C-alpha atoms as a PDB file:
ATOM      1  CA  MET A   1      -0.226   0.150  -0.057  1.00  0.00           C
ATOM      2  CA  LYS A   2       0.906   3.355  -0.963  1.00  0.00           C
ATOM      3  CA  VAL A   3      -0.160   6.544   0.854  1.00  0.00           C
ATOM      4  CA  ILE A   4      -0.662   9.555  -0.734  1.00  0.00           C
ATOM      5  CA  ALA A   5      -1.199  13.273   0.850  1.00  0.00           C
ATOM      6  CA  ASP A   6      -2.392  16.442  -1.048  1.00  0.00           C
ATOM      7  CA  THR A   7      -0.811  18.937   0.583  1.00  0.00           C
ATOM      8  CA  GLY A   8      -3.087  21.303  -2.102  1.00  0.00           C
ATOM      9  CA  LEU A   9      -5.955  20.067  -0.011  1.00  0.00           C
ATOM     10  CA  CYS A  10      -5.105  19.594   3.225  1.00  0.00           C
ATOM     11  CA  GLN A  11      -6.384  22.026   5.754  1.00  0.00           C
ATOM     12  CA  GLY A  12      -4.421  21.148   8.833  1.00  0.00           C
ATOM     13  CA  HIS A  13      -6.898  19.571  10.947  1.00  0.00           C
ATOM     14  CA  GLN A  14      -4.594  16.719  11.852  1.00  0.00           C
ATOM     15  CA  LEU A  15      -6.702  14.110  12.397  1.00  0.00           C
ATOM     16  CA  CYS A  16      -4.458  11.266  10.672  1.00  0.00           C
ATOM     17  CA  GLN A  17      -2.365  12.155  13.361  1.00  0.00           C
ATOM     18  CA  GLY A  18      -4.817  10.679  15.879  1.00  0.00           C
ATOM     19  CA  GLU A  19      -5.145   7.578  13.530  1.00  0.00           C
ATOM     20  CA  ALA A  20      -1.850   6.766  12.742  1.00  0.00           C
ATOM     21  CA  PRO A  21       1.040   9.393  14.126  1.00  0.00           C
ATOM     22  CA  ASP A  22       3.791   6.743  12.977  1.00  0.00           C
ATOM     23  CA  VAL A  23       2.558   7.589   9.338  1.00  0.00           C
ATOM     24  CA  PHE A  24       1.306  11.061   9.283  1.00  0.00           C
ATOM     25  CA  GLY A  25       3.326  14.162  10.554  1.00  0.00           C
ATOM     26  CA  PHE A  26       2.385  17.728  10.469  1.00  0.00           C
ATOM     27  CA  ASP A  27       4.498  20.578   9.154  1.00  0.00           C
ATOM     28  CA  GLU A  28       3.883  23.729  11.339  1.00  0.00           C
ATOM     29  CA  ASP A  29       5.402  26.136   9.060  1.00  0.00           C
ATOM     30  CA  ALA A  30       3.439  25.230   6.070  1.00  0.00           C
ATOM     31  CA  ASP A  31       0.215  23.982   8.187  1.00  0.00           C
ATOM     32  CA  VAL A  32      -0.261  20.680   6.277  1.00  0.00           C
ATOM     33  CA  VAL A  33       0.310  17.082   6.579  1.00  0.00           C
ATOM     34  CA  ARG A  34       3.580  15.413   6.279  1.00  0.00           C
ATOM     35  CA  LEU A  35       3.938  11.823   5.363  1.00  0.00           C
ATOM     36  CA  LEU A  36       6.380  10.332   7.479  1.00  0.00           C
ATOM     37  CA  GLU A  37       5.868   6.313   6.121  1.00  0.00           C
ATOM     38  CA  GLU A  38       4.931   6.260   2.317  1.00  0.00           C
ATOM     39  CA  HIS A  39       5.000   2.531   2.057  1.00  0.00           C
ATOM     40  CA  PRO A  40       3.563   1.661   5.909  1.00  0.00           C
ATOM     41  CA  ASP A  41       3.787  -1.878   6.895  1.00  0.00           C
ATOM     42  CA  GLU A  42       0.469  -4.182   6.050  1.00  0.00           C
ATOM     43  CA  SER A  43      -0.108  -4.247   9.903  1.00  0.00           C
ATOM     44  CA  ARG A  44      -1.018  -0.619   9.973  1.00  0.00           C
ATOM     45  CA  ARG A  45      -4.048  -0.699   7.035  1.00  0.00           C
ATOM     46  CA  GLN A  46      -6.722  -0.343   9.478  1.00  0.00           C
ATOM     47  CA  ASP A  47      -5.333   2.589  11.357  1.00  0.00           C
ATOM     48  CA  VAL A  48      -4.212   4.581   7.776  1.00  0.00           C
ATOM     49  CA  THR A  49      -7.698   3.442   6.103  1.00  0.00           C
ATOM     50  CA  THR A  50      -9.651   4.948   8.765  1.00  0.00           C
ATOM     51  CA  ALA A  51      -7.322   8.116   8.482  1.00  0.00           C
ATOM     52  CA  VAL A  52      -8.245   8.245   5.062  1.00  0.00           C
ATOM     53  CA  LYS A  53     -11.641   7.950   5.614  1.00  0.00           C
ATOM     54  CA  TYR A  54     -12.016  10.578   8.290  1.00  0.00           C
ATOM     55  CA  CYS A  55      -9.846  13.474   6.485  1.00  0.00           C
ATOM     56  CA  PRO A  56     -12.360  16.381   6.441  1.00  0.00           C
ATOM     57  CA  ALA A  57     -10.514  17.571   3.746  1.00  0.00           C
ATOM     58  CA  PHE A  58     -10.093  14.396   1.600  1.00  0.00           C
ATOM     59  CA  ALA A  59      -6.418  14.885   1.152  1.00  0.00           C
ATOM     60  CA  LEU A  60      -5.490  11.212   1.718  1.00  0.00           C
ATOM     61  CA  SER A  61      -5.601   8.483  -0.176  1.00  0.00           C
ATOM     62  CA  ILE A  62      -4.142   4.893  -0.649  1.00  0.00           C
ATOM     63  CA  GLU A  63      -2.797   3.340  -3.729  1.00  0.00           C
ATOM     64  CA  GLU A  64      -2.484  -0.306  -3.773  1.00  0.00           C
ATOM     65  CA  ASP A  65       1.159  -1.737  -4.797  1.00  0.00           C
END
């Protein structure tokens, strides 16, 4: 799985960090999400999927490898 973060859509809510803090970081200066792990381990799928699902700005997505 590959995680995609569209920083042009991100509104800085940081909900993704609550679901998967080892995958999603935050760039304080730009006020947008920052990917910490573009290809997280499969064991993180549920948390990453939840973060994508509940992103208020629809800035996150998953591509299958």
